[in-house]
């Protein structure tokens, strides 16, 4: 992929470029952008690079297509998102051009030879053009890949407080801010209040288990002994690490082998959908009693 400037710098005149284009030795992709292969034979990465080159210095693939380059989510759009610094931008066929006065060189990286926005900037931009659920999924994918960096995302939000995606990204980040989330005891108090309001049997709290299976004793959040039901109120601060994930599954398996049932509820469920939590516990208690 070449710009006209690249070709001239290599010694071709403008007329020579036009002659090669006319004879099929070069193919015009966008104004001032040329390729050795026709446009319909370009890979999607080739199309991305052509779009960036057509938008000028400082341009970068962004939003949905940057998310695809970073492997956060696929993009099957025919148009390509590109952000350019400043208040003016060229019109390029097949390219959705975004203008930004806050885009700096530090917000741009290179993936597969293609200038694109950094992961943190991509999360911010993506939140402006997809629903909240997809914003959350992109964060979850970054976490699963081991590349989620809350510090750099917060830096983007502080520098761009009025960006179109800022409010939605803040909302999605609620799952990833354990320092400001309720404590485990807060979650437990909230659940006890739900049980009381729904007239559910009062559970025992913070019960230590020794199952007699040779394993270590452990503590559970809530227990209905007669129904052999355990409920855990999981906050990300203590249950979101890789070690906690493994320990929780081993504990659940030990309880299942001893014919106990485990129900796990999250902070978000207790806050946003308490009716679902109550319905679930009520139904499980009734079935276990039967």
Protein backbone atom coordinates (compact mmCIF):
# COMPACT_ATOMS: atom_id res chain seq x y z
CA UNK A 1 0.00 0.00 0.00
CA UNK A 2 1.45 3.36 -1.02
CA UNK A 3 0.51 7.01 -0.94
CA UNK A 4 1.33 9.23 -3.85
CA UNK A 5 3.97 10.81 -1.61
CA UNK A 6 5.59 7.41 -1.03
CA UNK A 7 5.79 6.74 -4.74
CA UNK A 8 7.20 10.15 -5.57
CA UNK A 9 9.79 9.75 -2.81
CA UNK A 10 10.86 6.49 -4.48
CA UNK A 11 11.53 8.35 -7.73
CA UNK A 12 8.29 8.09 -9.69
CA UNK A 13 6.78 11.20 -11.17
CA UNK A 14 3.08 11.93 -10.81
CA UNK A 15 2.60 11.22 -14.51
CA UNK A 16 4.42 7.89 -14.12
CA UNK A 17 2.06 6.92 -11.31
CA UNK A 18 -0.95 7.80 -13.47
CA UNK A 19 0.52 5.78 -16.37
CA UNK A 20 1.04 2.71 -14.18
CA UNK A 21 -2.50 3.07 -12.85
CA UNK A 22 -3.88 3.25 -16.39
CA UNK A 23 -2.03 0.08 -17.39
CA UNK A 24 -3.01 -1.88 -14.26
CA UNK A 25 0.45 -2.01 -12.68
CA UNK A 26 -0.93 0.10 -9.82
CA UNK A 27 -4.48 0.28 -8.51
CA UNK A 28 -6.04 3.40 -7.03
CA UNK A 29 -7.80 2.54 -3.76
CA UNK A 30 -8.56 6.05 -2.52
CA UNK A 31 -7.51 9.46 -3.69
CA UNK A 32 -3.72 9.50 -3.35
CA UNK A 33 -3.57 5.86 -2.16
CA UNK A 34 -2.41 3.02 -4.39
CA UNK A 35 -1.92 -0.73 -4.14
CA UNK A 36 -0.27 -3.48 -6.16
CA UNK A 37 -3.55 -5.44 -6.09
CA UNK A 38 -7.11 -4.37 -7.01
CA UNK A 39 -9.40 -3.09 -4.29
CA UNK A 40 -11.62 -6.17 -4.42
CA UNK A 41 -8.61 -8.39 -3.65
CA UNK A 42 -7.47 -6.52 -0.55
CA UNK A 43 -7.62 -8.27 2.79
CA UNK A 44 -9.55 -6.49 5.53
CA UNK A 45 -6.24 -5.38 7.02
CA UNK A 46 -5.27 -3.94 3.65
CA UNK A 47 -8.54 -2.02 3.55
CA UNK A 48 -7.87 -0.67 7.05
CA UNK A 49 -4.38 0.53 6.09
CA UNK A 50 -5.69 2.14 2.91
CA UNK A 51 -8.36 3.99 4.90
CA UNK A 52 -5.79 5.36 7.36
CA UNK A 53 -3.45 6.50 4.58
CA UNK A 54 -6.33 8.23 2.80
CA UNK A 55 -7.17 10.24 5.94
CA UNK A 56 -3.75 11.79 6.30
CA UNK A 57 -1.08 12.27 8.95
CA UNK A 58 -2.01 11.27 12.49
CA UNK A 59 -5.05 9.24 11.41
CA UNK A 60 -5.74 5.91 13.09
CA UNK A 61 -8.24 3.08 12.76
CA UNK A 62 -10.62 3.48 15.69
CA UNK A 63 -13.93 2.50 17.28
CA UNK A 64 -15.31 -0.83 15.94
CA UNK A 65 -12.45 -1.64 13.59
CA UNK A 66 -9.80 -0.84 16.22
CA UNK A 67 -11.63 -3.25 18.52
CA UNK A 68 -11.33 -5.88 15.80
CA UNK A 69 -7.58 -5.22 15.42
CA UNK A 70 -7.16 -5.60 19.20
CA UNK A 71 -9.21 -8.85 19.11
CA UNK A 72 -11.86 -7.41 21.43
CA UNK A 73 -14.73 -8.13 19.05
CA UNK A 74 -15.22 -8.83 15.33
CA UNK A 75 -16.39 -6.20 12.87
CA UNK A 76 -18.21 -7.10 9.70
CA UNK A 77 -19.02 -3.54 8.65
CA UNK A 78 -18.38 -2.42 5.10
CA UNK A 79 -17.37 1.05 6.35
CA UNK A 80 -14.20 1.57 8.38
CA UNK A 81 -13.94 3.80 11.47
CA UNK A 82 -10.95 6.17 11.34
CA UNK A 83 -10.22 9.03 13.74
CA UNK A 84 -8.18 12.05 12.66
CA UNK A 85 -6.72 14.69 14.98
CA UNK A 86 -8.11 18.21 14.77
CA UNK A 87 -11.39 19.79 13.79
CA UNK A 88 -11.36 19.06 10.05
CA UNK A 89 -11.25 15.79 8.20
CA UNK A 90 -11.37 14.61 4.59
CA UNK A 91 -14.36 12.80 3.15
CA UNK A 92 -13.27 9.31 2.09
CA UNK A 93 -15.54 6.83 0.39
CA UNK A 94 -16.22 3.77 2.56
CA UNK A 95 -14.70 5.39 5.65
CA UNK A 96 -16.53 6.73 8.70
CA UNK A 97 -14.26 9.62 9.65
CA UNK A 98 -14.30 10.85 13.26
CA UNK A 99 -12.68 14.15 14.26
CA UNK A 100 -11.02 14.53 17.66
CA UNK A 101 -9.15 17.45 19.18
CA UNK A 102 -7.93 15.21 22.02
CA UNK A 103 -6.33 12.47 19.93
CA UNK A 104 -2.57 12.60 20.53
CA UNK A 105 0.35 10.50 19.37
CA UNK A 106 0.19 8.69 22.73
CA UNK A 107 -3.32 7.51 21.85
CA UNK A 108 -2.12 5.74 18.71
CA UNK A 109 -0.30 2.44 18.42
CA UNK A 110 0.48 0.07 15.55
CA UNK A 111 -1.13 -3.37 15.16
CA UNK A 112 -0.15 -5.56 12.21
CA UNK A 113 1.50 -2.54 10.63
CA UNK A 114 -1.71 -0.49 10.84
CA UNK A 115 -1.94 2.71 12.93
CA UNK A 116 -4.88 2.33 15.31
CA UNK A 117 -6.00 3.73 18.62
CA UNK A 118 -4.61 2.23 21.81
CA UNK A 119 -6.66 -0.26 23.78
CA UNK A 120 -7.74 2.36 26.31
CA UNK A 121 -8.79 4.86 23.66
CA UNK A 122 -10.54 2.08 21.74
CA UNK A 123 -12.67 1.22 24.79
CA UNK A 124 -13.71 4.87 25.07
CA UNK A 125 -14.52 5.22 21.36
CA UNK A 126 -16.27 1.88 21.14
CA UNK A 127 -18.63 2.85 23.96
CA UNK A 128 -19.90 5.69 21.77
CA UNK A 129 -21.09 3.43 18.95
CA UNK A 130 -22.23 0.12 20.51
CA UNK A 131 -24.76 -0.78 23.24
CA UNK A 132 -23.75 -1.05 26.90
CA UNK A 133 -23.73 -4.85 26.80
CA UNK A 134 -21.17 -4.86 24.00
CA UNK A 135 -19.06 -2.30 25.87
CA UNK A 136 -19.03 -4.67 28.85
CA UNK A 137 -18.17 -7.63 26.63
CA UNK A 138 -15.18 -5.78 25.19
CA UNK A 139 -13.90 -5.09 28.70
CA UNK A 140 -14.48 -8.71 29.63
CA UNK A 141 -12.57 -9.86 26.54
CA UNK A 142 -9.66 -7.59 27.45
CA UNK A 143 -9.66 -9.03 30.97
CA UNK A 144 -9.72 -12.59 29.62
CA UNK A 145 -6.77 -11.75 27.34
CA UNK A 146 -4.86 -10.25 30.28
CA UNK A 147 -4.64 -6.79 28.70
CA UNK A 148 -7.27 -4.87 30.70
CA UNK A 149 -5.57 -1.78 32.17
CA UNK A 150 -7.95 0.23 34.34
CA UNK A 151 -5.37 2.97 34.95
CA UNK A 152 -5.06 3.86 31.26
CA UNK A 153 -8.83 3.67 30.77
CA UNK A 154 -9.41 6.02 33.70
CA UNK A 155 -6.79 8.35 32.20
CA UNK A 156 -8.78 8.45 28.96
CA UNK A 157 -11.98 9.22 30.86
CA UNK A 158 -10.34 12.01 32.83
CA UNK A 159 -8.94 13.57 29.66
CA UNK A 160 -12.18 13.13 27.74
CA UNK A 161 -14.98 13.60 30.32
CA UNK A 162 -17.46 14.79 27.69
CA UNK A 163 -16.62 12.24 24.99
CA UNK A 164 -19.70 10.55 23.49
CA UNK A 165 -18.78 7.19 25.03
CA UNK A 166 -17.62 8.42 28.45
CA UNK A 167 -20.85 7.96 30.38
CA UNK A 168 -21.47 4.47 29.03
CA UNK A 169 -17.87 3.40 29.67
CA UNK A 170 -18.15 4.58 33.29
CA UNK A 171 -21.31 2.47 33.63
CA UNK A 172 -19.58 -0.59 32.17
CA UNK A 173 -16.59 -0.12 34.47
CA UNK A 174 -18.75 -0.58 37.58
CA UNK A 175 -17.96 -4.30 37.31
CA UNK A 176 -14.22 -3.57 37.34
CA UNK A 177 -13.86 -1.14 40.26
CA UNK A 178 -13.63 -3.32 43.38
CA UNK A 179 -12.14 -0.54 45.51
CA UNK A 180 -15.38 1.43 45.29
CA UNK A 181 -17.74 -1.54 45.41
CA UNK A 182 -19.61 -2.54 48.56
CA UNK A 183 -17.66 -4.74 50.96
CA UNK A 184 -18.54 -8.39 51.44
CA UNK A 185 -20.41 -7.48 54.62
CA UNK A 186 -22.38 -4.82 52.68
CA UNK A 187 -23.47 -7.47 50.20
CA UNK A 188 -24.45 -9.82 52.99
CA UNK A 189 -26.49 -7.16 54.79
CA UNK A 190 -28.27 -6.39 51.54
CA UNK A 191 -29.13 -10.04 51.07
CA UNK A 192 -30.39 -10.45 54.65
CA UNK A 193 -32.65 -7.43 54.12
CA UNK A 194 -34.00 -9.05 50.94
CA UNK A 195 -34.76 -12.29 52.79
CA UNK A 196 -36.54 -10.39 55.54
CA UNK A 197 -38.64 -8.37 53.09
CA UNK A 198 -39.61 -11.51 51.15
CA UNK A 199 -40.41 -13.47 54.33
CA UNK A 200 -37.84 -16.13 53.45
CA UNK A 201 -36.50 -18.42 56.18
CA UNK A 202 -33.58 -16.69 57.89
CA UNK A 203 -30.28 -18.29 56.86
CA UNK A 204 -27.33 -18.96 59.14
CA UNK A 205 -24.45 -16.60 58.38
CA UNK A 206 -20.71 -17.16 58.05
CA UNK A 207 -20.81 -20.89 58.80
CA UNK A 208 -17.64 -22.96 58.88
CA UNK A 209 -17.79 -26.34 57.11
CA UNK A 210 -15.82 -29.48 57.78
CA UNK A 211 -17.09 -32.03 55.29
CA UNK A 212 -15.01 -34.96 56.48
CA UNK A 213 -13.65 -35.56 52.98
CA UNK A 214 -10.06 -34.87 53.88
CA UNK A 215 -10.18 -31.32 52.55
CA UNK A 216 -9.56 -28.07 54.38
CA UNK A 217 -12.44 -26.51 56.33
CA UNK A 218 -14.00 -23.47 54.74
CA UNK A 219 -16.58 -20.80 55.46
CA UNK A 220 -19.78 -20.09 53.51
CA UNK A 221 -21.77 -16.85 53.50
CA UNK A 222 -25.29 -18.24 54.06
CA UNK A 223 -26.68 -21.62 54.95
CA UNK A 224 -30.11 -23.22 55.15
CA UNK A 225 -29.20 -26.41 56.96
CA UNK A 226 -32.52 -28.25 56.62
CA UNK A 227 -32.56 -27.75 52.85
CA UNK A 228 -28.81 -28.37 52.50
CA UNK A 229 -28.51 -25.11 50.57
CA UNK A 230 -25.53 -22.76 50.53
CA UNK A 231 -25.61 -19.25 49.08
CA UNK A 232 -22.50 -17.20 48.35
CA UNK A 233 -22.64 -13.43 47.77
CA UNK A 234 -19.70 -12.89 45.43
CA UNK A 235 -18.00 -9.51 45.22
CA UNK A 236 -15.26 -9.10 42.63
CA UNK A 237 -12.75 -7.87 45.20
CA UNK A 238 -12.43 -11.30 46.83
CA UNK A 239 -13.83 -13.64 44.19
CA UNK A 240 -12.43 -12.10 40.97
CA UNK A 241 -8.85 -13.39 41.13
CA UNK A 242 -7.65 -16.49 39.33
CA UNK A 243 -6.88 -18.24 42.64
CA UNK A 244 -10.31 -17.43 44.08
CA UNK A 245 -11.95 -18.70 40.88
CA UNK A 246 -10.24 -22.07 41.26
CA UNK A 247 -10.87 -22.30 45.02
CA UNK A 248 -14.57 -21.47 44.62
CA UNK A 249 -15.06 -24.22 42.03
CA UNK A 250 -13.28 -26.81 44.17
CA UNK A 251 -15.42 -25.82 47.15
CA UNK A 252 -18.63 -26.07 45.09
CA UNK A 253 -17.61 -29.52 43.87
CA UNK A 254 -16.92 -30.72 47.40
CA UNK A 255 -20.34 -29.50 48.54
CA UNK A 256 -22.05 -31.12 45.56
CA UNK A 257 -20.43 -34.46 46.33
CA UNK A 258 -21.82 -34.14 49.86
CA UNK A 259 -25.29 -33.47 48.37
CA UNK A 260 -25.42 -29.76 49.10
CA UNK A 261 -26.56 -27.23 46.50
CA UNK A 262 -24.69 -23.96 45.98
CA UNK A 263 -26.25 -20.76 44.63
CA UNK A 264 -24.02 -17.78 43.84
CA UNK A 265 -25.33 -14.23 43.50
CA UNK A 266 -23.36 -11.16 42.45
CA UNK A 267 -23.24 -7.59 43.65
CA UNK A 268 -24.82 -6.46 40.41
CA UNK A 269 -27.73 -8.87 40.78
CA UNK A 270 -28.38 -7.71 44.34
CA UNK A 271 -28.32 -4.08 43.22
CA UNK A 272 -30.04 -4.23 39.83
CA UNK A 273 -32.27 -7.30 39.94
CA UNK A 274 -33.10 -8.20 43.57
CA UNK A 275 -36.46 -9.66 42.50
CA UNK A 276 -34.62 -12.30 40.45
CA UNK A 277 -32.46 -13.20 43.45
CA UNK A 278 -35.52 -13.59 45.69
CA UNK A 279 -37.36 -15.69 43.09
CA UNK A 280 -34.33 -17.93 42.63
CA UNK A 281 -33.77 -18.54 46.35
CA UNK A 282 -37.50 -19.08 46.95
CA UNK A 283 -37.71 -21.64 44.15
CA UNK A 284 -34.57 -23.51 45.18
CA UNK A 285 -35.64 -23.63 48.84
CA UNK A 286 -39.04 -25.02 47.86
CA UNK A 287 -37.49 -27.70 45.63
CA UNK A 288 -34.91 -28.66 48.23
CA UNK A 289 -37.59 -28.95 50.91
CA UNK A 290 -39.63 -31.24 48.68
